[in-house]
């Protein structure tokens, strides 16, 4: 059974509390929170205070995705703000710093994870897979919601799942980007068990039905 992790970026910015309550009412267990710095990606979004506010408002697992340069500078603040899972981009720093970042996240009692952009292959993250509790594969270029799903990422997704099954079988494999009820099935068929959906979930007329179908 899969896990739906709706992206709060897809909620109505003026009605986040309403949309959070609707998310809870739909039976959602995870919430994806995109953090963008305007440098690593050409957009900006939430910060520590937003994560902290969410933690106080809900018991949903917070799946926090850092799209920021040199994340080692900020992971302590996001861990203390209430992230349950904290993922960082392999492309955002040196290999040594990425390794230290994952270790630091774990030391702070949060589940560490790694993210790969579409052009980054499995070999880049192999050295870190045993440290991770979540691997996130981007099926769009990170930075903006509402982009078209990149089906050509499926061979990479499948290869990562096979490698995880070999070295770290309990690690979650997540997909983010253009996920809906149709593309979600494709992702699950290629090894994903956590699905991030922003626009598709928050625009769904029946959010409970959406969750049940995508998690089935």
N, C-alpha and C. Protein backbone atom coordinates (compact mmCIF):
# COMPACT_ATOMS: atom_id res chain seq x y z
N UNK A 1 0.84 -1.20 0.00
CA UNK A 1 0.00 0.00 0.00
C UNK A 1 0.87 1.25 0.00
N UNK A 2 0.53 2.20 -0.85
CA UNK A 2 1.31 3.43 -0.97
C UNK A 2 0.88 4.47 0.07
N UNK A 3 1.68 5.53 0.16
CA UNK A 3 1.40 6.65 1.06
C UNK A 3 1.26 7.91 0.22
N UNK A 4 0.17 8.63 0.40
CA UNK A 4 0.00 9.93 -0.25
C UNK A 4 0.60 11.01 0.63
N UNK A 5 1.42 11.89 0.03
CA UNK A 5 2.01 13.01 0.76
C UNK A 5 1.68 14.29 -0.01
N UNK A 6 0.49 14.87 0.22
CA UNK A 6 0.10 16.06 -0.54
C UNK A 6 1.05 17.22 -0.31
N UNK A 7 1.37 17.93 -1.38
CA UNK A 7 2.25 19.09 -1.26
C UNK A 7 1.44 20.30 -0.84
N UNK A 8 1.76 20.86 0.31
CA UNK A 8 1.04 22.03 0.82
C UNK A 8 1.24 23.23 -0.11
N UNK A 9 2.23 23.15 -1.00
CA UNK A 9 2.43 24.19 -2.00
C UNK A 9 1.21 24.30 -2.92
N UNK A 10 0.46 23.21 -3.03
CA UNK A 10 -0.73 23.21 -3.88
C UNK A 10 -1.97 23.74 -3.20
N UNK A 11 -1.87 24.07 -1.92
CA UNK A 11 -3.01 24.61 -1.18
C UNK A 11 -3.21 26.08 -1.52
N UNK A 12 -4.36 26.61 -1.12
CA UNK A 12 -4.66 28.03 -1.30
C UNK A 12 -3.90 28.81 -0.23
N UNK A 13 -2.98 29.67 -0.65
CA UNK A 13 -2.12 30.38 0.30
C UNK A 13 -2.92 31.23 1.29
N UNK A 14 -4.10 31.69 0.91
CA UNK A 14 -4.92 32.50 1.80
C UNK A 14 -5.83 31.65 2.68
N UNK A 15 -5.84 30.34 2.43
CA UNK A 15 -6.72 29.45 3.19
C UNK A 15 -5.99 28.17 3.59
N UNK A 16 -4.76 28.32 4.04
CA UNK A 16 -3.95 27.15 4.37
C UNK A 16 -4.58 26.35 5.51
N UNK A 17 -5.11 27.04 6.53
CA UNK A 17 -5.72 26.33 7.66
C UNK A 17 -6.92 25.51 7.19
N UNK A 18 -7.74 26.10 6.33
CA UNK A 18 -8.89 25.36 5.78
C UNK A 18 -8.44 24.14 5.01
N UNK A 19 -7.42 24.32 4.16
CA UNK A 19 -6.95 23.21 3.34
C UNK A 19 -6.23 22.15 4.17
N UNK A 20 -5.57 22.56 5.24
CA UNK A 20 -4.94 21.60 6.15
C UNK A 20 -6.01 20.75 6.83
N UNK A 21 -7.09 21.39 7.26
CA UNK A 21 -8.19 20.65 7.88
C UNK A 21 -8.82 19.68 6.90
N UNK A 22 -8.95 20.08 5.63
CA UNK A 22 -9.49 19.20 4.60
C UNK A 22 -8.55 18.03 4.35
N UNK A 23 -7.26 18.27 4.44
CA UNK A 23 -6.26 17.22 4.27
C UNK A 23 -6.39 16.18 5.38
N UNK A 24 -6.52 16.66 6.60
CA UNK A 24 -6.70 15.75 7.75
C UNK A 24 -8.00 14.96 7.61
N UNK A 25 -9.07 15.64 7.20
CA UNK A 25 -10.37 14.99 7.07
C UNK A 25 -10.36 13.90 6.02
N UNK A 26 -9.45 14.02 5.04
CA UNK A 26 -9.35 13.01 3.98
C UNK A 26 -8.57 11.78 4.43
N UNK A 27 -8.04 11.82 5.65
CA UNK A 27 -7.31 10.67 6.18
C UNK A 27 -5.85 10.62 5.79
N UNK A 28 -5.32 11.73 5.35
CA UNK A 28 -3.92 11.81 4.93
C UNK A 28 -2.99 11.67 6.14
N UNK A 29 -1.92 10.92 5.97
CA UNK A 29 -0.97 10.66 7.07
C UNK A 29 0.34 11.44 6.93
N UNK A 30 0.69 11.84 5.70
CA UNK A 30 1.92 12.60 5.45
C UNK A 30 1.57 13.91 4.77
N UNK A 31 2.40 14.92 4.98
CA UNK A 31 2.25 16.20 4.30
C UNK A 31 3.62 16.63 3.78
N UNK A 32 3.69 16.94 2.49
CA UNK A 32 4.95 17.35 1.86
C UNK A 32 5.08 18.87 1.92
N UNK A 33 6.23 19.32 2.42
CA UNK A 33 6.47 20.76 2.58
C UNK A 33 7.71 21.15 1.79
N UNK A 34 7.52 21.91 0.73
CA UNK A 34 8.62 22.33 -0.14
C UNK A 34 9.24 23.63 0.38
N UNK A 35 10.54 23.61 0.60
CA UNK A 35 11.28 24.78 1.06
C UNK A 35 12.23 25.22 -0.06
N UNK A 36 12.03 26.43 -0.58
CA UNK A 36 12.83 26.91 -1.71
C UNK A 36 13.48 28.24 -1.36
N UNK A 37 14.75 28.39 -1.77
CA UNK A 37 15.53 29.55 -1.33
C UNK A 37 15.74 30.63 -2.39
N UNK A 38 15.24 30.40 -3.62
CA UNK A 38 15.45 31.39 -4.67
C UNK A 38 16.83 31.33 -5.30
N UNK A 39 17.68 30.40 -4.86
CA UNK A 39 19.03 30.24 -5.41
C UNK A 39 19.19 28.85 -6.03
N UNK A 40 18.96 27.82 -5.23
CA UNK A 40 19.04 26.46 -5.77
C UNK A 40 17.97 26.25 -6.82
N UNK A 41 16.80 26.82 -6.61
CA UNK A 41 15.72 26.83 -7.59
C UNK A 41 15.24 28.27 -7.75
N UNK A 42 14.69 28.62 -8.92
CA UNK A 42 14.29 30.01 -9.17
C UNK A 42 12.92 30.36 -8.59
N UNK A 43 12.73 30.06 -7.33
CA UNK A 43 11.48 30.37 -6.66
C UNK A 43 11.76 30.38 -5.17
N UNK A 44 10.85 30.96 -4.40
CA UNK A 44 10.98 30.99 -2.94
C UNK A 44 9.67 30.51 -2.33
N UNK A 45 9.78 29.89 -1.14
CA UNK A 45 8.56 29.44 -0.47
C UNK A 45 8.72 29.59 1.03
N UNK A 46 8.33 28.57 1.76
CA UNK A 46 8.21 28.64 3.21
C UNK A 46 9.56 28.60 3.94
N UNK A 47 9.52 28.88 5.25
CA UNK A 47 10.71 28.83 6.09
C UNK A 47 10.45 28.05 7.36
N UNK A 48 11.34 28.19 8.34
CA UNK A 48 11.22 27.44 9.59
C UNK A 48 9.90 27.71 10.29
N UNK A 49 9.49 28.98 10.28
CA UNK A 49 8.29 29.34 11.05
C UNK A 49 7.05 28.64 10.51
N UNK A 50 7.00 28.42 9.20
CA UNK A 50 5.85 27.74 8.61
C UNK A 50 5.84 26.27 9.04
N UNK A 51 6.99 25.63 9.02
CA UNK A 51 7.09 24.24 9.47
C UNK A 51 6.69 24.14 10.93
N UNK A 52 7.16 25.07 11.74
CA UNK A 52 6.82 25.08 13.16
C UNK A 52 5.33 25.25 13.38
N UNK A 53 4.71 26.13 12.59
CA UNK A 53 3.26 26.37 12.71
C UNK A 53 2.48 25.12 12.31
N UNK A 54 2.93 24.43 11.26
CA UNK A 54 2.27 23.20 10.85
C UNK A 54 2.37 22.14 11.94
N UNK A 55 3.55 22.05 12.56
CA UNK A 55 3.77 21.04 13.60
C UNK A 55 2.82 21.25 14.77
N UNK A 56 2.56 22.51 15.09
CA UNK A 56 1.64 22.82 16.19
C UNK A 56 0.19 22.57 15.81
N UNK A 57 -0.10 22.63 14.51
CA UNK A 57 -1.49 22.56 14.06
C UNK A 57 -1.96 21.16 13.69
N UNK A 58 -1.03 20.23 13.48
CA UNK A 58 -1.43 18.91 12.99
C UNK A 58 -0.51 17.81 13.51
N UNK A 59 -1.05 16.59 13.54
CA UNK A 59 -0.26 15.41 13.90
C UNK A 59 0.23 14.67 12.66
N UNK A 60 -0.08 15.19 11.47
CA UNK A 60 0.37 14.57 10.23
C UNK A 60 1.90 14.57 10.17
N UNK A 61 2.47 13.50 9.66
CA UNK A 61 3.92 13.42 9.45
C UNK A 61 4.37 14.48 8.46
N UNK A 62 5.34 15.29 8.86
CA UNK A 62 5.84 16.37 8.00
C UNK A 62 7.06 15.90 7.21
N UNK A 63 6.86 15.84 5.91
CA UNK A 63 7.84 15.38 4.93
C UNK A 63 8.43 16.65 4.28
N UNK A 64 9.54 17.13 4.84
CA UNK A 64 10.08 18.44 4.46
C UNK A 64 11.20 18.28 3.44
N UNK A 65 11.02 18.94 2.30
CA UNK A 65 11.92 18.82 1.14
C UNK A 65 12.67 20.14 0.97
N UNK A 66 13.98 20.12 1.24
CA UNK A 66 14.80 21.33 1.15
C UNK A 66 15.37 21.50 -0.25
N UNK A 67 14.89 22.49 -0.96
CA UNK A 67 15.45 22.86 -2.26
C UNK A 67 16.27 24.13 -2.04
N UNK A 68 17.38 23.95 -1.32
CA UNK A 68 18.21 25.08 -0.93
C UNK A 68 19.68 24.73 -1.09
N UNK A 69 20.49 25.74 -1.35
CA UNK A 69 21.94 25.53 -1.47
C UNK A 69 22.57 25.31 -0.10
N UNK A 70 23.54 24.42 -0.06
CA UNK A 70 24.29 24.11 1.16
C UNK A 70 23.35 23.90 2.35
N UNK A 71 22.52 22.89 2.29
CA UNK A 71 21.50 22.68 3.33
C UNK A 71 22.07 22.41 4.71
N UNK A 72 23.33 22.03 4.81
CA UNK A 72 23.91 21.78 6.13
C UNK A 72 23.80 23.01 7.03
N UNK A 73 23.70 24.21 6.42
CA UNK A 73 23.59 25.44 7.20
C UNK A 73 22.25 25.58 7.89
N UNK A 74 21.24 24.84 7.43
CA UNK A 74 19.88 25.09 7.90
C UNK A 74 19.16 23.87 8.49
N UNK A 75 19.75 22.70 8.38
CA UNK A 75 18.99 21.51 8.78
C UNK A 75 18.66 21.50 10.28
N UNK A 76 19.51 22.05 11.11
CA UNK A 76 19.20 22.04 12.54
C UNK A 76 17.92 22.81 12.81
N UNK A 77 17.75 23.97 12.18
CA UNK A 77 16.54 24.77 12.38
C UNK A 77 15.29 24.04 11.91
N UNK A 78 15.38 23.36 10.75
CA UNK A 78 14.21 22.64 10.25
C UNK A 78 13.90 21.41 11.09
N UNK A 79 14.92 20.75 11.59
CA UNK A 79 14.69 19.63 12.49
C UNK A 79 14.00 20.09 13.76
N UNK A 80 14.48 21.18 14.33
CA UNK A 80 13.89 21.69 15.58
C UNK A 80 12.50 22.28 15.34
N UNK A 81 12.23 22.71 14.12
CA UNK A 81 10.92 23.27 13.79
C UNK A 81 9.84 22.19 13.73
N UNK A 82 10.26 20.93 13.51
CA UNK A 82 9.27 19.86 13.55
C UNK A 82 9.23 18.92 12.37
N UNK A 83 10.22 18.97 11.49
CA UNK A 83 10.26 18.01 10.38
C UNK A 83 10.35 16.59 10.93
N UNK A 84 9.61 15.67 10.33
CA UNK A 84 9.72 14.25 10.67
C UNK A 84 10.68 13.56 9.71
N UNK A 85 10.55 13.87 8.43
CA UNK A 85 11.50 13.48 7.40
C UNK A 85 12.09 14.77 6.83
N UNK A 86 13.39 14.78 6.58
CA UNK A 86 14.03 15.96 6.01
C UNK A 86 14.94 15.51 4.87
N UNK A 87 14.58 15.91 3.64
CA UNK A 87 15.34 15.50 2.46
C UNK A 87 16.13 16.66 1.88
N UNK A 88 17.33 16.35 1.41
CA UNK A 88 18.21 17.36 0.83
C UNK A 88 18.65 16.91 -0.56
N UNK A 89 18.92 17.85 -1.44
CA UNK A 89 19.32 17.54 -2.81
C UNK A 89 20.79 17.17 -2.89
N UNK A 90 21.08 16.07 -3.56
CA UNK A 90 22.46 15.66 -3.78
C UNK A 90 23.23 16.74 -4.54
N UNK A 91 22.52 17.50 -5.37
CA UNK A 91 23.16 18.51 -6.22
C UNK A 91 23.46 19.81 -5.46
N UNK A 92 23.01 19.92 -4.19
CA UNK A 92 23.06 21.20 -3.49
C UNK A 92 24.37 21.48 -2.75
N UNK A 93 25.28 20.49 -2.70
CA UNK A 93 26.52 20.71 -1.95
C UNK A 93 27.55 19.66 -2.36
N UNK A 94 28.72 19.70 -1.74
CA UNK A 94 29.78 18.74 -2.03
C UNK A 94 29.39 17.37 -1.46
N UNK A 95 29.96 16.29 -2.01
CA UNK A 95 29.67 14.96 -1.47
C UNK A 95 29.96 14.85 0.03
N UNK A 96 31.05 15.43 0.47
CA UNK A 96 31.40 15.37 1.89
C UNK A 96 30.35 16.08 2.75
N UNK A 97 29.93 17.26 2.32
CA UNK A 97 28.94 18.00 3.09
C UNK A 97 27.57 17.31 3.08
N UNK A 98 27.21 16.69 1.97
CA UNK A 98 25.94 15.97 1.92
C UNK A 98 25.95 14.82 2.92
N UNK A 99 27.07 14.11 3.00
CA UNK A 99 27.20 13.02 3.97
C UNK A 99 27.07 13.54 5.39
N UNK A 100 27.74 14.65 5.69
CA UNK A 100 27.66 15.26 7.03
C UNK A 100 26.24 15.73 7.32
N UNK A 101 25.56 16.25 6.29
CA UNK A 101 24.20 16.75 6.46
C UNK A 101 23.26 15.62 6.85
N UNK A 102 23.36 14.50 6.16
CA UNK A 102 22.50 13.36 6.48
C UNK A 102 22.77 12.86 7.90
N UNK A 103 24.04 12.82 8.29
CA UNK A 103 24.40 12.39 9.65
C UNK A 103 23.83 13.36 10.69
N UNK A 104 23.91 14.64 10.40
CA UNK A 104 23.42 15.64 11.35
C UNK A 104 21.91 15.54 11.53
N UNK A 105 21.20 15.32 10.44
CA UNK A 105 19.75 15.16 10.52
C UNK A 105 19.40 14.00 11.44
N UNK A 106 20.08 12.89 11.24
CA UNK A 106 19.81 11.70 12.07
C UNK A 106 20.15 11.95 13.53
N UNK A 107 21.27 12.63 13.77
CA UNK A 107 21.68 12.94 15.15
C UNK A 107 20.62 13.79 15.86
N UNK A 108 19.89 14.59 15.10
CA UNK A 108 18.86 15.46 15.67
C UNK A 108 17.51 14.76 15.81
N UNK A 109 17.49 13.46 15.54
CA UNK A 109 16.28 12.67 15.76
C UNK A 109 15.27 12.71 14.64
N UNK A 110 15.70 13.17 13.46
CA UNK A 110 14.82 13.27 12.30
C UNK A 110 15.28 12.26 11.25
N UNK A 111 14.34 11.77 10.44
CA UNK A 111 14.66 10.77 9.42
C UNK A 111 15.25 11.46 8.19
N UNK A 112 16.49 11.13 7.82
CA UNK A 112 17.16 11.79 6.70
C UNK A 112 16.83 11.18 5.35
N UNK A 113 16.91 12.03 4.32
CA UNK A 113 16.67 11.54 2.98
C UNK A 113 17.42 12.35 1.94
N UNK A 114 17.51 11.79 0.74
CA UNK A 114 18.22 12.41 -0.37
C UNK A 114 17.25 12.60 -1.54
N UNK A 115 17.49 13.66 -2.32
CA UNK A 115 16.65 13.97 -3.48
C UNK A 115 17.51 14.05 -4.73
N UNK A 116 16.95 13.57 -5.86
CA UNK A 116 17.65 13.69 -7.14
C UNK A 116 16.78 14.43 -8.15
N UNK A 117 17.39 15.40 -8.84
CA UNK A 117 16.74 16.09 -9.94
C UNK A 117 16.69 15.16 -11.16
N UNK A 118 15.88 15.51 -12.17
CA UNK A 118 15.74 14.62 -13.33
C UNK A 118 17.05 14.22 -14.02
N UNK A 119 18.01 15.12 -14.09
CA UNK A 119 19.24 14.81 -14.83
C UNK A 119 20.28 14.08 -13.99
N UNK A 120 19.99 13.85 -12.71
CA UNK A 120 20.94 13.17 -11.82
C UNK A 120 20.62 11.69 -11.77
N UNK A 121 21.64 10.85 -11.95
CA UNK A 121 21.43 9.40 -11.99
C UNK A 121 21.65 8.71 -10.65
N UNK A 122 21.40 7.42 -10.67
CA UNK A 122 21.54 6.58 -9.48
C UNK A 122 22.95 6.62 -8.91
N UNK A 123 23.98 6.61 -9.76
CA UNK A 123 25.36 6.54 -9.27
C UNK A 123 25.69 7.67 -8.30
N UNK A 124 25.09 8.83 -8.50
CA UNK A 124 25.39 9.99 -7.65
C UNK A 124 24.94 9.78 -6.21
N UNK A 125 23.89 8.97 -6.00
CA UNK A 125 23.36 8.81 -4.64
C UNK A 125 23.71 7.46 -4.01
N UNK A 126 24.32 6.57 -4.76
CA UNK A 126 24.65 5.25 -4.22
C UNK A 126 25.40 5.30 -2.89
N UNK A 127 26.39 6.20 -2.74
CA UNK A 127 27.15 6.20 -1.49
C UNK A 127 26.33 6.58 -0.25
N UNK A 128 25.13 7.14 -0.45
CA UNK A 128 24.34 7.67 0.66
C UNK A 128 23.12 6.82 1.00
N UNK A 129 22.81 5.83 0.20
CA UNK A 129 21.54 5.13 0.35
C UNK A 129 21.39 4.44 1.70
N UNK A 130 22.48 3.94 2.25
CA UNK A 130 22.37 3.26 3.55
C UNK A 130 22.11 4.24 4.69
N UNK A 131 22.36 5.52 4.48
CA UNK A 131 22.10 6.54 5.50
C UNK A 131 20.65 7.03 5.47
N UNK A 132 19.93 6.71 4.40
CA UNK A 132 18.63 7.34 4.15
C UNK A 132 17.44 6.52 4.65
N UNK A 133 16.40 7.23 5.03
CA UNK A 133 15.12 6.60 5.32
C UNK A 133 14.08 6.99 4.28
N UNK A 134 14.48 7.88 3.36
CA UNK A 134 13.61 8.31 2.28
C UNK A 134 14.49 8.76 1.11
N UNK A 135 14.15 8.29 -0.09
CA UNK A 135 14.79 8.79 -1.31
C UNK A 135 13.68 9.38 -2.18
N UNK A 136 13.90 10.59 -2.64
CA UNK A 136 12.90 11.30 -3.45
C UNK A 136 13.42 11.50 -4.86
N UNK A 137 12.64 11.03 -5.83
CA UNK A 137 12.96 11.19 -7.24
C UNK A 137 12.05 12.26 -7.83
N UNK A 138 12.64 13.31 -8.38
CA UNK A 138 11.87 14.38 -9.01
C UNK A 138 11.47 13.97 -10.43
N UNK A 139 10.19 14.08 -10.72
CA UNK A 139 9.71 13.79 -12.07
C UNK A 139 9.26 15.07 -12.77
N UNK A 140 9.76 16.20 -12.26
CA UNK A 140 9.73 17.51 -12.92
C UNK A 140 11.00 18.22 -12.48
N UNK A 141 11.33 19.32 -13.13
CA UNK A 141 12.42 20.15 -12.63
C UNK A 141 11.94 20.86 -11.37
N UNK A 142 12.68 20.79 -10.27
CA UNK A 142 12.20 21.38 -9.03
C UNK A 142 12.08 22.90 -9.09
N UNK A 143 11.10 23.41 -8.35
CA UNK A 143 10.98 24.86 -8.22
C UNK A 143 9.57 25.39 -8.42
N UNK A 144 8.77 24.72 -9.22
CA UNK A 144 7.42 25.20 -9.49
C UNK A 144 6.45 24.02 -9.53
N UNK A 145 5.22 24.24 -9.03
CA UNK A 145 4.19 23.22 -9.10
C UNK A 145 3.50 23.22 -10.45
N UNK A 146 2.70 22.18 -10.69
CA UNK A 146 1.87 22.14 -11.88
C UNK A 146 2.56 21.73 -13.17
N UNK A 147 3.80 21.22 -13.09
CA UNK A 147 4.51 20.82 -14.30
C UNK A 147 4.07 19.42 -14.76
N UNK A 148 4.37 19.11 -16.03
CA UNK A 148 4.00 17.83 -16.61
C UNK A 148 4.93 16.72 -16.12
N UNK A 149 4.35 15.60 -15.79
CA UNK A 149 5.06 14.41 -15.33
C UNK A 149 6.04 13.91 -16.38
N UNK A 150 7.28 13.61 -15.96
CA UNK A 150 8.31 13.11 -16.87
C UNK A 150 8.38 11.59 -16.76
N UNK A 151 7.68 10.92 -17.67
CA UNK A 151 7.62 9.45 -17.64
C UNK A 151 8.98 8.81 -17.88
N UNK A 152 9.90 9.54 -18.51
CA UNK A 152 11.22 8.95 -18.79
C UNK A 152 12.09 8.81 -17.54
N UNK A 153 11.57 9.22 -16.39
CA UNK A 153 12.28 9.01 -15.13
C UNK A 153 12.03 7.62 -14.54
N UNK A 154 11.11 6.86 -15.14
CA UNK A 154 10.73 5.58 -14.56
C UNK A 154 11.85 4.54 -14.56
N UNK A 155 12.69 4.44 -15.59
CA UNK A 155 13.81 3.49 -15.48
C UNK A 155 14.75 3.82 -14.30
N UNK A 156 14.98 5.12 -14.07
CA UNK A 156 15.82 5.51 -12.94
C UNK A 156 15.13 5.16 -11.62
N UNK A 157 13.83 5.43 -11.54
CA UNK A 157 13.08 5.10 -10.33
C UNK A 157 13.18 3.61 -10.04
N UNK A 158 13.00 2.80 -11.05
CA UNK A 158 13.05 1.35 -10.89
C UNK A 158 14.45 0.90 -10.47
N UNK A 159 15.48 1.51 -11.04
CA UNK A 159 16.86 1.15 -10.69
C UNK A 159 17.17 1.52 -9.25
N UNK A 160 16.67 2.66 -8.78
CA UNK A 160 16.88 3.06 -7.39
C UNK A 160 16.18 2.09 -6.45
N UNK A 161 14.95 1.69 -6.80
CA UNK A 161 14.23 0.73 -5.96
C UNK A 161 15.00 -0.59 -5.86
N UNK A 162 15.54 -1.04 -6.97
CA UNK A 162 16.31 -2.29 -6.98
C UNK A 162 17.55 -2.17 -6.11
N UNK A 163 18.23 -1.01 -6.18
CA UNK A 163 19.42 -0.81 -5.35
C UNK A 163 19.05 -0.71 -3.88
N UNK A 164 17.94 -0.02 -3.58
CA UNK A 164 17.48 0.06 -2.19
C UNK A 164 17.12 -1.32 -1.64
N UNK A 165 16.48 -2.13 -2.46
CA UNK A 165 16.13 -3.48 -2.01
C UNK A 165 17.38 -4.28 -1.65
N UNK A 166 18.49 -3.94 -2.29
CA UNK A 166 19.75 -4.64 -2.02
C UNK A 166 20.45 -4.13 -0.77
N UNK A 167 20.46 -2.80 -0.57
CA UNK A 167 21.27 -2.23 0.51
C UNK A 167 20.47 -1.65 1.68
N UNK A 168 19.20 -1.30 1.45
CA UNK A 168 18.41 -0.63 2.49
C UNK A 168 16.92 -0.81 2.19
N UNK A 169 16.41 -2.02 2.29
CA UNK A 169 15.05 -2.32 1.84
C UNK A 169 13.94 -1.59 2.58
N UNK A 170 14.19 -1.10 3.79
CA UNK A 170 13.15 -0.40 4.55
C UNK A 170 13.01 1.06 4.15
N UNK A 171 13.90 1.55 3.30
CA UNK A 171 13.88 2.96 2.90
C UNK A 171 12.68 3.22 1.98
N UNK A 172 11.96 4.31 2.26
CA UNK A 172 10.86 4.72 1.39
C UNK A 172 11.41 5.30 0.08
N UNK A 173 10.65 5.10 -1.01
CA UNK A 173 10.99 5.69 -2.30
C UNK A 173 9.82 6.57 -2.74
N UNK A 174 10.10 7.85 -2.88
CA UNK A 174 9.07 8.86 -3.11
C UNK A 174 9.22 9.49 -4.49
N UNK A 175 8.10 9.88 -5.08
CA UNK A 175 8.10 10.59 -6.36
C UNK A 175 7.36 11.91 -6.19
N UNK A 176 7.93 12.96 -6.79
CA UNK A 176 7.34 14.30 -6.71
C UNK A 176 7.39 14.95 -8.09
N UNK A 177 6.21 15.36 -8.59
CA UNK A 177 6.17 16.09 -9.85
C UNK A 177 5.16 15.55 -10.83
N UNK A 178 4.04 16.24 -10.98
CA UNK A 178 3.04 15.84 -11.95
C UNK A 178 2.31 14.56 -11.59
N UNK A 179 2.25 14.24 -10.30
CA UNK A 179 1.62 12.99 -9.86
C UNK A 179 0.11 13.20 -9.72
N UNK A 180 -0.65 12.31 -10.36
CA UNK A 180 -2.10 12.28 -10.22
C UNK A 180 -2.53 10.81 -10.17
N UNK A 181 -3.81 10.54 -10.32
CA UNK A 181 -4.27 9.16 -10.19
C UNK A 181 -3.72 8.26 -11.30
N UNK A 182 -3.46 8.82 -12.47
CA UNK A 182 -2.92 8.02 -13.58
C UNK A 182 -1.42 7.84 -13.44
N UNK A 183 -0.68 8.94 -13.29
CA UNK A 183 0.77 8.83 -13.18
C UNK A 183 1.20 8.17 -11.88
N UNK A 184 0.36 8.29 -10.86
CA UNK A 184 0.66 7.62 -9.60
C UNK A 184 0.74 6.11 -9.76
N UNK A 185 -0.12 5.55 -10.59
CA UNK A 185 -0.09 4.12 -10.85
C UNK A 185 1.21 3.71 -11.54
N UNK A 186 1.67 4.57 -12.45
CA UNK A 186 2.93 4.30 -13.15
C UNK A 186 4.09 4.30 -12.16
N UNK A 187 4.07 5.25 -11.24
CA UNK A 187 5.14 5.34 -10.24
C UNK A 187 5.15 4.12 -9.33
N UNK A 188 3.98 3.71 -8.88
CA UNK A 188 3.90 2.53 -8.01
C UNK A 188 4.39 1.28 -8.74
N UNK A 189 4.06 1.18 -10.01
CA UNK A 189 4.49 0.02 -10.79
C UNK A 189 6.00 -0.04 -10.95
N UNK A 190 6.66 1.11 -10.77
CA UNK A 190 8.12 1.17 -10.91
C UNK A 190 8.84 1.30 -9.57
N UNK A 191 8.13 1.02 -8.47
CA UNK A 191 8.79 0.89 -7.18
C UNK A 191 8.54 1.95 -6.15
N UNK A 192 7.84 3.03 -6.50
CA UNK A 192 7.58 4.09 -5.52
C UNK A 192 6.52 3.66 -4.53
N UNK A 193 6.67 4.07 -3.28
CA UNK A 193 5.62 3.79 -2.29
C UNK A 193 5.15 5.05 -1.58
N UNK A 194 5.74 6.21 -1.90
CA UNK A 194 5.26 7.50 -1.38
C UNK A 194 5.07 8.42 -2.59
N UNK A 195 3.89 9.02 -2.68
CA UNK A 195 3.52 9.83 -3.84
C UNK A 195 3.15 11.24 -3.41
N UNK A 196 3.87 12.21 -3.95
CA UNK A 196 3.59 13.62 -3.66
C UNK A 196 2.63 14.13 -4.74
N UNK A 197 1.50 14.67 -4.32
CA UNK A 197 0.54 15.26 -5.25
C UNK A 197 0.11 16.61 -4.69
N UNK A 198 0.28 17.66 -5.47
CA UNK A 198 -0.11 18.99 -5.02
C UNK A 198 -1.41 19.41 -5.67
N UNK A 199 -1.34 19.89 -6.89
CA UNK A 199 -2.51 20.37 -7.60
C UNK A 199 -3.59 19.30 -7.71
N UNK A 200 -3.21 18.07 -8.05
CA UNK A 200 -4.19 17.00 -8.24
C UNK A 200 -4.99 16.74 -6.97
N UNK A 201 -4.33 16.77 -5.82
CA UNK A 201 -5.03 16.50 -4.56
C UNK A 201 -5.89 17.69 -4.15
N UNK A 202 -5.33 18.88 -4.15
CA UNK A 202 -6.07 20.03 -3.62
C UNK A 202 -7.19 20.49 -4.55
N UNK A 203 -7.13 20.10 -5.83
CA UNK A 203 -8.22 20.42 -6.75
C UNK A 203 -9.25 19.30 -6.86
N UNK A 204 -8.99 18.18 -6.21
CA UNK A 204 -9.92 17.05 -6.27
C UNK A 204 -11.22 17.38 -5.54
N UNK A 205 -12.34 17.05 -6.16
CA UNK A 205 -13.64 17.31 -5.53
C UNK A 205 -13.82 16.46 -4.29
N UNK A 206 -13.36 15.21 -4.35
CA UNK A 206 -13.46 14.30 -3.21
C UNK A 206 -12.06 13.87 -2.81
N UNK A 207 -11.50 14.54 -1.81
CA UNK A 207 -10.11 14.29 -1.43
C UNK A 207 -9.93 12.93 -0.78
N UNK A 208 -10.94 12.47 -0.05
CA UNK A 208 -10.85 11.14 0.55
C UNK A 208 -10.77 10.07 -0.53
N UNK A 209 -11.60 10.20 -1.54
CA UNK A 209 -11.59 9.25 -2.65
C UNK A 209 -10.25 9.28 -3.38
N UNK A 210 -9.71 10.49 -3.58
CA UNK A 210 -8.40 10.61 -4.23
C UNK A 210 -7.35 9.86 -3.44
N UNK A 211 -7.33 10.10 -2.12
CA UNK A 211 -6.33 9.42 -1.29
C UNK A 211 -6.48 7.90 -1.35
N UNK A 212 -7.71 7.43 -1.24
CA UNK A 212 -7.94 5.99 -1.24
C UNK A 212 -7.49 5.35 -2.55
N UNK A 213 -7.76 6.01 -3.66
CA UNK A 213 -7.40 5.46 -4.97
C UNK A 213 -5.89 5.46 -5.18
N UNK A 214 -5.21 6.54 -4.80
CA UNK A 214 -3.78 6.62 -5.07
C UNK A 214 -2.97 5.75 -4.10
N UNK A 215 -3.55 5.49 -2.93
CA UNK A 215 -2.84 4.65 -1.95
C UNK A 215 -3.11 3.17 -2.14
N UNK A 216 -4.10 2.81 -2.92
CA UNK A 216 -4.50 1.40 -3.08
C UNK A 216 -3.40 0.57 -3.73
